[in-house]
Amino acid sequence: MEMIWQIGNCTPRDVYALYPDPKPHINTIATMFQSLERKGYLTHQMKGRGYLYIPTMDQKDYGRGKFETFVSRYFGNSYMNVVSTLVKEEKVSREELTEFLDRLKKQ
């Protein structure tokens, strides 16, 4: 999806061109496109003899959905558990958290 968002509406060959060597087989990329379409992340329209694939959501919406799934699966659907873990693991300092809360109060 990262490459598809980078290009915009595209074909598997467009994505193939972005891969560094050694490139995966074009059929592998086409299969990934079909899988993403089945999952609802892409749709397609005819373009010549093939398909032009179109993302059904932008990167921000996709990330938000994945984050919600992550929080649900690994943190019991508790965002407070996420924040607590970030503070405990020293990924976010108490000062940063206090600063964030102050900004939130001002909004």
PDB file of N, CA and C in Angstrom:
ATOM      1  N   MET A   1       0.825  -1.190   0.000  1.00  0.00           N
ATOM      2  CA  MET A   1       0.000   0.000   0.000  1.00  0.00           C
ATOM      3  C   MET A   1       0.869   1.253   0.000  1.00  0.00           C
ATOM      4  N   GLU A   2       2.013   1.183   0.677  1.00  0.00           N
ATOM      5  CA  GLU A   2       2.892   2.362   0.709  1.00  0.00           C
ATOM      6  C   GLU A   2       3.265   2.800  -0.709  1.00  0.00           C
ATOM      7  N   MET A   3       3.638   1.847  -1.537  1.00  0.00           N
ATOM      8  CA  MET A   3       4.025   2.181  -2.910  1.00  0.00           C
ATOM      9  C   MET A   3       2.823   2.661  -3.713  1.00  0.00           C
ATOM     10  N   ILE A   4       1.674   2.059  -3.474  1.00  0.00           N
ATOM     11  CA  ILE A   4       0.467   2.461  -4.200  1.00  0.00           C
ATOM     12  C   ILE A   4       0.105   3.896  -3.839  1.00  0.00           C
ATOM     13  N   TRP A   5       0.159   4.241  -2.547  1.00  0.00           N
ATOM     14  CA  TRP A   5      -0.124   5.632  -2.157  1.00  0.00           C
ATOM     15  C   TRP A   5       0.907   6.582  -2.742  1.00  0.00           C
ATOM     16  N   GLN A   6       2.134   6.132  -2.828  1.00  0.00           N
ATOM     17  CA  GLN A   6       3.200   6.968  -3.399  1.00  0.00           C
ATOM     18  C   GLN A   6       2.905   7.297  -4.867  1.00  0.00           C
ATOM     19  N   ILE A   7       2.443   6.310  -5.613  1.00  0.00           N
ATOM     20  CA  ILE A   7       2.167   6.490  -7.040  1.00  0.00           C
ATOM     21  C   ILE A   7       0.791   7.089  -7.273  1.00  0.00           C
ATOM     22  N   GLY A   8      -0.195   6.630  -6.526  1.00  0.00           N
ATOM     23  CA  GLY A   8      -1.593   6.977  -6.790  1.00  0.00           C
ATOM     24  C   GLY A   8      -2.217   5.834  -7.568  1.00  0.00           C
ATOM     25  N   ASN A   9      -3.233   6.107  -8.346  1.00  0.00           N
ATOM     26  CA  ASN A   9      -3.857   5.061  -9.162  1.00  0.00           C
ATOM     27  C   ASN A   9      -2.783   4.430 -10.024  1.00  0.00           C
ATOM     28  N   CYS A  10      -2.727   3.084 -10.032  1.00  0.00           N
ATOM     29  CA  CYS A  10      -1.605   2.436 -10.707  1.00  0.00           C
ATOM     30  C   CYS A  10      -1.923   0.998 -11.092  1.00  0.00           C
ATOM     31  N   THR A  11      -0.997   0.417 -11.815  1.00  0.00           N
ATOM     32  CA  THR A  11      -1.062  -0.984 -12.206  1.00  0.00           C
ATOM     33  C   THR A  11       0.024  -1.748 -11.434  1.00  0.00           C
ATOM     34  N   PRO A  12      -0.064  -3.074 -11.400  1.00  0.00           N
ATOM     35  CA  PRO A  12       1.018  -3.842 -10.774  1.00  0.00           C
ATOM     36  C   PRO A  12       2.388  -3.543 -11.400  1.00  0.00           C
ATOM     37  N   ARG A  13       2.414  -3.269 -12.696  1.00  0.00           N
ATOM     38  CA  ARG A  13       3.701  -2.951 -13.347  1.00  0.00           C
ATOM     39  C   ARG A  13       4.297  -1.648 -12.826  1.00  0.00           C
ATOM     40  N   ASP A  14       3.440  -0.682 -12.475  1.00  0.00           N
ATOM     41  CA  ASP A  14       3.932   0.580 -11.906  1.00  0.00           C
ATOM     42  C   ASP A  14       4.640   0.324 -10.575  1.00  0.00           C
ATOM     43  N   VAL A  15       4.051  -0.537  -9.767  1.00  0.00           N
ATOM     44  CA  VAL A  15       4.658  -0.877  -8.477  1.00  0.00           C
ATOM     45  C   VAL A  15       5.919  -1.706  -8.692  1.00  0.00           C
ATOM     46  N   TYR A  16       5.862  -2.621  -9.638  1.00  0.00           N
ATOM     47  CA  TYR A  16       7.031  -3.443  -9.980  1.00  0.00           C
ATOM     48  C   TYR A  16       8.240  -2.557 -10.291  1.00  0.00           C
ATOM     49  N   ALA A  17       8.014  -1.484 -11.000  1.00  0.00           N
ATOM     50  CA  ALA A  17       9.109  -0.583 -11.398  1.00  0.00           C
ATOM     51  C   ALA A  17       9.776   0.072 -10.185  1.00  0.00           C
ATOM     52  N   LEU A  18       9.065   0.219  -9.077  1.00  0.00           N
ATOM     53  CA  LEU A  18       9.633   0.858  -7.889  1.00  0.00           C
ATOM     54  C   LEU A  18      10.498  -0.076  -7.047  1.00  0.00           C
ATOM     55  N   TYR A  19      10.302  -1.371  -7.199  1.00  0.00           N
ATOM     56  CA  TYR A  19      11.057  -2.322  -6.382  1.00  0.00           C
ATOM     57  C   TYR A  19      12.530  -2.317  -6.767  1.00  0.00           C
ATOM     58  N   PRO A  20      13.408  -2.392  -5.757  1.00  0.00           N
ATOM     59  CA  PRO A  20      14.842  -2.540  -6.063  1.00  0.00           C
ATOM     60  C   PRO A  20      15.128  -3.976  -6.478  1.00  0.00           C
ATOM     61  N   ASP A  21      16.253  -4.193  -7.092  1.00  0.00           N
ATOM     62  CA  ASP A  21      16.676  -5.553  -7.441  1.00  0.00           C
ATOM     63  C   ASP A  21      17.104  -6.282  -6.179  1.00  0.00           C
ATOM     64  N   PRO A  22      16.842  -7.525  -6.044  1.00  0.00           N
ATOM     65  CA  PRO A  22      16.078  -8.376  -6.949  1.00  0.00           C
ATOM     66  C   PRO A  22      14.570  -8.136  -6.777  1.00  0.00           C
ATOM     67  N   LYS A  23      13.930  -7.902  -7.889  1.00  0.00           N
ATOM     68  CA  LYS A  23      12.501  -7.614  -7.892  1.00  0.00           C
ATOM     69  C   LYS A  23      11.696  -8.905  -7.716  1.00  0.00           C
ATOM     70  N   PRO A  24      10.548  -8.796  -7.031  1.00  0.00           N
ATOM     71  CA  PRO A  24       9.672  -9.975  -6.996  1.00  0.00           C
ATOM     72  C   PRO A  24       9.073 -10.190  -8.381  1.00  0.00           C
ATOM     73  N   HIS A  25       8.561 -11.366  -8.630  1.00  0.00           N
ATOM     74  CA  HIS A  25       7.935 -11.640  -9.925  1.00  0.00           C
ATOM     75  C   HIS A  25       6.682 -10.779 -10.050  1.00  0.00           C
ATOM     76  N   ILE A  26       6.376 -10.310 -11.249  1.00  0.00           N
ATOM     77  CA  ILE A  26       5.211  -9.470 -11.487  1.00  0.00           C
ATOM     78  C   ILE A  26       3.921 -10.159 -11.061  1.00  0.00           C
ATOM     79  N   ASN A  27       3.856 -11.494 -11.204  1.00  0.00           N
ATOM     80  CA  ASN A  27       2.655 -12.226 -10.782  1.00  0.00           C
ATOM     81  C   ASN A  27       2.454 -12.144  -9.261  1.00  0.00           C
ATOM     82  N   THR A  28       3.543 -12.088  -8.522  1.00  0.00           N
ATOM     83  CA  THR A  28       3.464 -11.941  -7.068  1.00  0.00           C
ATOM     84  C   THR A  28       2.830 -10.603  -6.725  1.00  0.00           C
ATOM     85  N   ILE A  29       3.238  -9.563  -7.409  1.00  0.00           N
ATOM     86  CA  ILE A  29       2.685  -8.227  -7.170  1.00  0.00           C
ATOM     87  C   ILE A  29       1.215  -8.189  -7.570  1.00  0.00           C
ATOM     88  N   ALA A  30       0.881  -8.781  -8.709  1.00  0.00           N
ATOM     89  CA  ALA A  30      -0.517  -8.820  -9.155  1.00  0.00           C
ATOM     90  C   ALA A  30      -1.386  -9.566  -8.134  1.00  0.00           C
ATOM     91  N   THR A  31      -0.856 -10.635  -7.565  1.00  0.00           N
ATOM     92  CA  THR A  31      -1.589 -11.383  -6.546  1.00  0.00           C
ATOM     93  C   THR A  31      -1.797 -10.528  -5.300  1.00  0.00           C
ATOM     94  N   MET A  32      -0.791  -9.752  -4.926  1.00  0.00           N
ATOM     95  CA  MET A  32      -0.937  -8.856  -3.778  1.00  0.00           C
ATOM     96  C   MET A  32      -2.034  -7.820  -4.042  1.00  0.00           C
ATOM     97  N   PHE A  33      -2.086  -7.286  -5.248  1.00  0.00           N
ATOM     98  CA  PHE A  33      -3.135  -6.328  -5.609  1.00  0.00           C
ATOM     99  C   PHE A  33      -4.512  -6.975  -5.461  1.00  0.00           C
ATOM    100  N   GLN A  34      -4.659  -8.194  -5.946  1.00  0.00           N
ATOM    101  CA  GLN A  34      -5.940  -8.896  -5.854  1.00  0.00           C
ATOM    102  C   GLN A  34      -6.325  -9.130  -4.397  1.00  0.00           C
ATOM    103  N   SER A  35      -5.352  -9.480  -3.572  1.00  0.00           N
ATOM    104  CA  SER A  35      -5.609  -9.693  -2.150  1.00  0.00           C
ATOM    105  C   SER A  35      -6.042  -8.387  -1.475  1.00  0.00           C
ATOM    106  N   LEU A  36      -5.365  -7.301  -1.803  1.00  0.00           N
ATOM    107  CA  LEU A  36      -5.736  -5.996  -1.241  1.00  0.00           C
ATOM    108  C   LEU A  36      -7.127  -5.578  -1.698  1.00  0.00           C
ATOM    109  N   GLU A  37      -7.476  -5.940  -2.908  1.00  0.00           N
ATOM    110  CA  GLU A  37      -8.824  -5.621  -3.398  1.00  0.00           C
ATOM    111  C   GLU A  37      -9.875  -6.446  -2.648  1.00  0.00           C
ATOM    112  N   ARG A  38      -9.612  -7.730  -2.440  1.00  0.00           N
ATOM    113  CA  ARG A  38     -10.547  -8.578  -1.687  1.00  0.00           C
ATOM    114  C   ARG A  38     -10.765  -8.047  -0.268  1.00  0.00           C
ATOM    115  N   LYS A  39      -9.709  -7.484   0.311  1.00  0.00           N
ATOM    116  CA  LYS A  39      -9.804  -6.937   1.669  1.00  0.00           C
ATOM    117  C   LYS A  39     -10.457  -5.558   1.698  1.00  0.00           C
ATOM    118  N   GLY A  40     -10.699  -4.995   0.516  1.00  0.00           N
ATOM    119  CA  GLY A  40     -11.382  -3.709   0.449  1.00  0.00           C
ATOM    120  C   GLY A  40     -10.484  -2.488   0.411  1.00  0.00           C
ATOM    121  N   TYR A  41      -9.174  -2.674   0.280  1.00  0.00           N
ATOM    122  CA  TYR A  41      -8.243  -1.548   0.262  1.00  0.00           C
ATOM    123  C   TYR A  41      -8.074  -0.950  -1.132  1.00  0.00           C
ATOM    124  N   LEU A  42      -8.416  -1.733  -2.161  1.00  0.00           N
ATOM    125  CA  LEU A  42      -8.306  -1.279  -3.545  1.00  0.00           C
ATOM    126  C   LEU A  42      -9.592  -1.593  -4.295  1.00  0.00           C
ATOM    127  N   THR A  43      -9.818  -0.855  -5.352  1.00  0.00           N
ATOM    128  CA  THR A  43     -10.830  -1.192  -6.334  1.00  0.00           C
ATOM    129  C   THR A  43     -10.137  -1.076  -7.686  1.00  0.00           C
ATOM    130  N   HIS A  44     -10.810  -1.442  -8.764  1.00  0.00           N
ATOM    131  CA  HIS A  44     -10.143  -1.350 -10.060  1.00  0.00           C
ATOM    132  C   HIS A  44     -11.122  -0.916 -11.146  1.00  0.00           C
ATOM    133  N   GLN A  45     -10.525  -0.476 -12.247  1.00  0.00           N
ATOM    134  CA  GLN A  45     -11.285  -0.192 -13.457  1.00  0.00           C
ATOM    135  C   GLN A  45     -10.447  -0.673 -14.637  1.00  0.00           C
ATOM    136  N   MET A  46     -11.113  -0.969 -15.728  1.00  0.00           N
ATOM    137  CA  MET A  46     -10.406  -1.454 -16.914  1.00  0.00           C
ATOM    138  C   MET A  46      -9.505  -0.358 -17.472  1.00  0.00           C
ATOM    139  N   LYS A  47      -8.307  -0.775 -17.890  1.00  0.00           N
ATOM    140  CA  LYS A  47      -7.370   0.119 -18.568  1.00  0.00           C
ATOM    141  C   LYS A  47      -6.687  -0.719 -19.640  1.00  0.00           C
ATOM    142  N   GLY A  48      -7.096  -0.521 -20.861  1.00  0.00           N
ATOM    143  CA  GLY A  48      -6.568  -1.353 -21.937  1.00  0.00           C
ATOM    144  C   GLY A  48      -6.950  -2.795 -21.698  1.00  0.00           C
ATOM    145  N   ARG A  49      -5.936  -3.674 -21.707  1.00  0.00           N
ATOM    146  CA  ARG A  49      -6.194  -5.098 -21.468  1.00  0.00           C
ATOM    147  C   ARG A  49      -6.065  -5.481 -20.005  1.00  0.00           C
ATOM    148  N   GLY A  50      -5.735  -4.508 -19.164  1.00  0.00           N
ATOM    149  CA  GLY A  50      -5.538  -4.812 -17.746  1.00  0.00           C
ATOM    150  C   GLY A  50      -6.387  -3.920 -16.858  1.00  0.00           C
ATOM    151  N   TYR A  51      -5.979  -3.832 -15.620  1.00  0.00           N
ATOM    152  CA  TYR A  51      -6.715  -3.056 -14.635  1.00  0.00           C
ATOM    153  C   TYR A  51      -5.863  -1.917 -14.085  1.00  0.00           C
ATOM    154  N   LEU A  52      -6.525  -0.809 -13.817  1.00  0.00           N
ATOM    155  CA  LEU A  52      -5.933   0.295 -13.072  1.00  0.00           C
ATOM    156  C   LEU A  52      -6.515   0.186 -11.670  1.00  0.00           C
ATOM    157  N   TYR A  53      -5.656   0.066 -10.681  1.00  0.00           N
ATOM    158  CA  TYR A  53      -6.118  -0.094  -9.303  1.00  0.00           C
ATOM    159  C   TYR A  53      -6.149   1.263  -8.610  1.00  0.00           C
ATOM    160  N   ILE A  54      -7.177   1.440  -7.778  1.00  0.00           N
ATOM    161  CA  ILE A  54      -7.428   2.710  -7.118  1.00  0.00           C
ATOM    162  C   ILE A  54      -7.585   2.447  -5.618  1.00  0.00           C
ATOM    163  N   PRO A  55      -6.798   3.135  -4.776  1.00  0.00           N
ATOM    164  CA  PRO A  55      -6.967   2.958  -3.333  1.00  0.00           C
ATOM    165  C   PRO A  55      -8.364   3.413  -2.895  1.00  0.00           C
ATOM    166  N   THR A  56      -8.973   2.667  -1.987  1.00  0.00           N
ATOM    167  CA  THR A  56     -10.302   3.028  -1.494  1.00  0.00           C
ATOM    168  C   THR A  56     -10.224   3.897  -0.243  1.00  0.00           C
ATOM    169  N   MET A  57      -9.023   4.036   0.319  1.00  0.00           N
ATOM    170  CA  MET A  57      -8.850   4.887   1.492  1.00  0.00           C
ATOM    171  C   MET A  57      -7.469   5.503   1.454  1.00  0.00           C
ATOM    172  N   ASP A  58      -7.352   6.655   2.112  1.00  0.00           N
ATOM    173  CA  ASP A  58      -6.038   7.287   2.143  1.00  0.00           C
ATOM    174  C   ASP A  58      -5.188   6.673   3.263  1.00  0.00           C
ATOM    175  N   GLN A  59      -3.937   7.036   3.263  1.00  0.00           N
ATOM    176  CA  GLN A  59      -2.973   6.438   4.176  1.00  0.00           C
ATOM    177  C   GLN A  59      -3.338   6.707   5.638  1.00  0.00           C
ATOM    178  N   LYS A  60      -3.847   7.888   5.917  1.00  0.00           N
ATOM    179  CA  LYS A  60      -4.201   8.254   7.290  1.00  0.00           C
ATOM    180  C   LYS A  60      -5.341   7.365   7.811  1.00  0.00           C
ATOM    181  N   ASP A  61      -6.380   7.183   6.999  1.00  0.00           N
ATOM    182  CA  ASP A  61      -7.505   6.333   7.411  1.00  0.00           C
ATOM    183  C   ASP A  61      -7.066   4.884   7.594  1.00  0.00           C
ATOM    184  N   TYR A  62      -6.212   4.414   6.700  1.00  0.00           N
ATOM    185  CA  TYR A  62      -5.684   3.054   6.793  1.00  0.00           C
ATOM    186  C   TYR A  62      -4.914   2.878   8.108  1.00  0.00           C
ATOM    187  N   GLY A  63      -4.034   3.830   8.398  1.00  0.00           N
ATOM    188  CA  GLY A  63      -3.241   3.769   9.625  1.00  0.00           C
ATOM    189  C   GLY A  63      -4.110   3.802  10.867  1.00  0.00           C
ATOM    190  N   ARG A  64      -5.138   4.643  10.834  1.00  0.00           N
ATOM    191  CA  ARG A  64      -6.044   4.745  11.976  1.00  0.00           C
ATOM    192  C   ARG A  64      -6.726   3.394  12.228  1.00  0.00           C
ATOM    193  N   GLY A  65      -7.188   2.763  11.173  1.00  0.00           N
ATOM    194  CA  GLY A  65      -7.836   1.457  11.313  1.00  0.00           C
ATOM    195  C   GLY A  65      -6.889   0.399  11.851  1.00  0.00           C
ATOM    196  N   LYS A  66      -5.676   0.388  11.341  1.00  0.00           N
ATOM    197  CA  LYS A  66      -4.684  -0.585  11.812  1.00  0.00           C
ATOM    198  C   LYS A  66      -4.335  -0.338  13.276  1.00  0.00           C
ATOM    199  N   PHE A  67      -4.257   0.952  13.658  1.00  0.00           N
ATOM    200  CA  PHE A  67      -3.942   1.283  15.042  1.00  0.00           C
ATOM    201  C   PHE A  67      -5.063   0.823  15.972  1.00  0.00           C
ATOM    202  N   GLU A  68      -6.308   1.026  15.556  1.00  0.00           N
ATOM    203  CA  GLU A  68      -7.441   0.573  16.366  1.00  0.00           C
ATOM    204  C   GLU A  68      -7.407  -0.942  16.558  1.00  0.00           C
ATOM    205  N   THR A  69      -7.073  -1.664  15.510  1.00  0.00           N
ATOM    206  CA  THR A  69      -6.959  -3.119  15.608  1.00  0.00           C
ATOM    207  C   THR A  69      -5.830  -3.509  16.557  1.00  0.00           C
ATOM    208  N   PHE A  70      -4.711  -2.816  16.447  1.00  0.00           N
ATOM    209  CA  PHE A  70      -3.550  -3.062  17.303  1.00  0.00           C
ATOM    210  C   PHE A  70      -3.903  -2.837  18.777  1.00  0.00           C
ATOM    211  N   VAL A  71      -4.556  -1.718  19.062  1.00  0.00           N
ATOM    212  CA  VAL A  71      -4.943  -1.407  20.444  1.00  0.00           C
ATOM    213  C   VAL A  71      -5.919  -2.450  20.973  1.00  0.00           C
ATOM    214  N   SER A  72      -6.864  -2.832  20.144  1.00  0.00           N
ATOM    215  CA  SER A  72      -7.846  -3.834  20.547  1.00  0.00           C
ATOM    216  C   SER A  72      -7.177  -5.181  20.831  1.00  0.00           C
ATOM    217  N   ARG A  73      -6.313  -5.598  19.934  1.00  0.00           N
ATOM    218  CA  ARG A  73      -5.697  -6.918  20.026  1.00  0.00           C
ATOM    219  C   ARG A  73      -4.674  -7.024  21.153  1.00  0.00           C
ATOM    220  N   TYR A  74      -3.822  -6.016  21.310  1.00  0.00           N
ATOM    221  CA  TYR A  74      -2.698  -6.134  22.224  1.00  0.00           C
ATOM    222  C   TYR A  74      -2.845  -5.359  23.527  1.00  0.00           C
ATOM    223  N   PHE A  75      -3.821  -4.461  23.606  1.00  0.00           N
ATOM    224  CA  PHE A  75      -3.970  -3.639  24.801  1.00  0.00           C
ATOM    225  C   PHE A  75      -5.389  -3.666  25.355  1.00  0.00           C
ATOM    226  N   GLY A  76      -6.148  -4.713  25.037  1.00  0.00           N
ATOM    227  CA  GLY A  76      -7.488  -4.865  25.583  1.00  0.00           C
ATOM    228  C   GLY A  76      -8.408  -3.705  25.257  1.00  0.00           C
ATOM    229  N   ASN A  77      -8.194  -3.107  24.095  1.00  0.00           N
ATOM    230  CA  ASN A  77      -8.994  -1.971  23.612  1.00  0.00           C
ATOM    231  C   ASN A  77      -8.905  -0.762  24.542  1.00  0.00           C
ATOM    232  N   SER A  78      -7.787  -0.638  25.268  1.00  0.00           N
ATOM    233  CA  SER A  78      -7.587   0.467  26.204  1.00  0.00           C
ATOM    234  C   SER A  78      -6.444   1.363  25.728  1.00  0.00           C
ATOM    235  N   TYR A  79      -6.791   2.580  25.366  1.00  0.00           N
ATOM    236  CA  TYR A  79      -5.763   3.540  24.958  1.00  0.00           C
ATOM    237  C   TYR A  79      -4.914   3.968  26.154  1.00  0.00           C
ATOM    238  N   MET A  80      -5.486   3.905  27.355  1.00  0.00           N
ATOM    239  CA  MET A  80      -4.711   4.215  28.555  1.00  0.00           C
ATOM    240  C   MET A  80      -3.612   3.173  28.762  1.00  0.00           C
ATOM    241  N   ASN A  81      -3.887   1.917  28.422  1.00  0.00           N
ATOM    242  CA  ASN A  81      -2.850   0.889  28.509  1.00  0.00           C
ATOM    243  C   ASN A  81      -1.715   1.184  27.519  1.00  0.00           C
ATOM    244  N   VAL A  82      -2.050   1.728  26.366  1.00  0.00           N
ATOM    245  CA  VAL A  82      -1.029   2.104  25.376  1.00  0.00           C
ATOM    246  C   VAL A  82      -0.150   3.200  25.948  1.00  0.00           C
ATOM    247  N   VAL A  83      -0.771   4.249  26.460  1.00  0.00           N
ATOM    248  CA  VAL A  83      -0.023   5.383  27.012  1.00  0.00           C
ATOM    249  C   VAL A  83       0.831   4.918  28.188  1.00  0.00           C
ATOM    250  N   SER A  84       0.250   4.112  29.064  1.00  0.00           N
ATOM    251  CA  SER A  84       0.982   3.600  30.222  1.00  0.00           C
ATOM    252  C   SER A  84       2.214   2.813  29.779  1.00  0.00           C
ATOM    253  N   THR A  85       2.052   1.965  28.773  1.00  0.00           N
ATOM    254  CA  THR A  85       3.178   1.178  28.259  1.00  0.00           C
ATOM    255  C   THR A  85       4.255   2.083  27.664  1.00  0.00           C
ATOM    256  N   LEU A  86       3.838   3.105  26.930  1.00  0.00           N
ATOM    257  CA  LEU A  86       4.808   4.029  26.342  1.00  0.00           C
ATOM    258  C   LEU A  86       5.612   4.750  27.423  1.00  0.00           C
ATOM    259  N   VAL A  87       4.967   5.127  28.503  1.00  0.00           N
ATOM    260  CA  VAL A  87       5.668   5.792  29.598  1.00  0.00           C
ATOM    261  C   VAL A  87       6.582   4.800  30.313  1.00  0.00           C
ATOM    262  N   LYS A  88       6.071   3.599  30.612  1.00  0.00           N
ATOM    263  CA  LYS A  88       6.880   2.588  31.307  1.00  0.00           C
ATOM    264  C   LYS A  88       8.117   2.201  30.512  1.00  0.00           C
ATOM    265  N   GLU A  89       7.952   2.088  29.195  1.00  0.00           N
ATOM    266  CA  GLU A  89       9.072   1.684  28.331  1.00  0.00           C
ATOM    267  C   GLU A  89       9.956   2.874  27.957  1.00  0.00           C
ATOM    268  N   GLU A  90       9.656   4.027  28.519  1.00  0.00           N
ATOM    269  CA  GLU A  90      10.419   5.259  28.299  1.00  0.00           C
ATOM    270  C   GLU A  90      10.452   5.680  26.837  1.00  0.00           C
ATOM    271  N   LYS A  91       9.356   5.396  26.127  1.00  0.00           N
ATOM    272  CA  LYS A  91       9.204   5.863  24.745  1.00  0.00           C
ATOM    273  C   LYS A  91       8.622   7.273  24.735  1.00  0.00           C
ATOM    274  N   VAL A  92       7.916   7.612  25.814  1.00  0.00           N
ATOM    275  CA  VAL A  92       7.369   8.947  26.028  1.00  0.00           C
ATOM    276  C   VAL A  92       7.732   9.337  27.451  1.00  0.00           C
ATOM    277  N   SER A  93       8.328  10.508  27.601  1.00  0.00           N
ATOM    278  CA  SER A  93       8.698  10.941  28.950  1.00  0.00           C
ATOM    279  C   SER A  93       7.487  11.540  29.657  1.00  0.00           C
ATOM    280  N   ARG A  94       7.580  11.592  30.962  1.00  0.00           N
ATOM    281  CA  ARG A  94       6.508  12.215  31.740  1.00  0.00           C
ATOM    282  C   ARG A  94       6.350  13.683  31.347  1.00  0.00           C
ATOM    283  N   GLU A  95       7.456  14.334  31.037  1.00  0.00           N
ATOM    284  CA  GLU A  95       7.409  15.733  30.628  1.00  0.00           C
ATOM    285  C   GLU A  95       6.649  15.892  29.309  1.00  0.00           C
ATOM    286  N   GLU A  96       6.919  15.004  28.362  1.00  0.00           N
ATOM    287  CA  GLU A  96       6.202  15.041  27.087  1.00  0.00           C
ATOM    288  C   GLU A  96       4.715  14.800  27.290  1.00  0.00           C
ATOM    289  N   LEU A  97       4.395  13.888  28.175  1.00  0.00           N
ATOM    290  CA  LEU A  97       2.996  13.580  28.457  1.00  0.00           C
ATOM    291  C   LEU A  97       2.308  14.778  29.115  1.00  0.00           C
ATOM    292  N   THR A  98       2.984  15.413  30.057  1.00  0.00           N
ATOM    293  CA  THR A  98       2.432  16.607  30.711  1.00  0.00           C
ATOM    294  C   THR A  98       2.240  17.725  29.700  1.00  0.00           C
ATOM    295  N   GLU A  99       3.212  17.917  28.824  1.00  0.00           N
ATOM    296  CA  GLU A  99       3.109  18.941  27.775  1.00  0.00           C
ATOM    297  C   GLU A  99       1.923  18.654  26.857  1.00  0.00           C
ATOM    298  N   PHE A 100       1.745  17.398  26.499  1.00  0.00           N
ATOM    299  CA  PHE A 100       0.614  17.014  25.652  1.00  0.00           C
ATOM    300  C   PHE A 100      -0.709  17.308  26.346  1.00  0.00           C
ATOM    301  N   LEU A 101      -0.810  16.960  27.618  1.00  0.00           N
ATOM    302  CA  LEU A 101      -2.045  17.207  28.371  1.00  0.00           C
ATOM    303  C   LEU A 101      -2.338  18.705  28.485  1.00  0.00           C
ATOM    304  N   ASP A 102      -1.279  19.511  28.669  1.00  0.00           N
ATOM    305  CA  ASP A 102      -1.467  20.964  28.720  1.00  0.00           C
ATOM    306  C   ASP A 102      -2.007  21.485  27.391  1.00  0.00           C
ATOM    307  N   ARG A 103      -1.467  21.023  26.287  1.00  0.00           N
ATOM    308  CA  ARG A 103      -1.951  21.450  24.967  1.00  0.00           C
ATOM    309  C   ARG A 103      -3.400  20.997  24.745  1.00  0.00           C
ATOM    310  N   LEU A 104      -3.701  19.801  25.215  1.00  0.00           N
ATOM    311  CA  LEU A 104      -5.047  19.272  25.080  1.00  0.00           C
ATOM    312  C   LEU A 104      -6.053  20.118  25.859  1.00  0.00           C
ATOM    313  N   LYS A 105      -5.678  20.547  27.047  1.00  0.00           N
ATOM    314  CA  LYS A 105      -6.548  21.397  27.866  1.00  0.00           C
ATOM    315  C   LYS A 105      -6.813  22.736  27.193  1.00  0.00           C
ATOM    316  N   LYS A 106      -5.805  23.277  26.515  1.00  0.00           N
ATOM    317  CA  LYS A 106      -5.948  24.567  25.838  1.00  0.00           C
ATOM    318  C   LYS A 106      -6.873  24.484  24.622  1.00  0.00           C
ATOM    319  N   GLN A 107      -6.965  23.300  24.035  1.00  0.00           N
ATOM    320  CA  GLN A 107      -7.824  23.120  22.867  1.00  0.00           C
ATOM    321  C   GLN A 107      -9.244  23.015  23.324  1.00  0.00           C
TER     322      GLN A 107
END
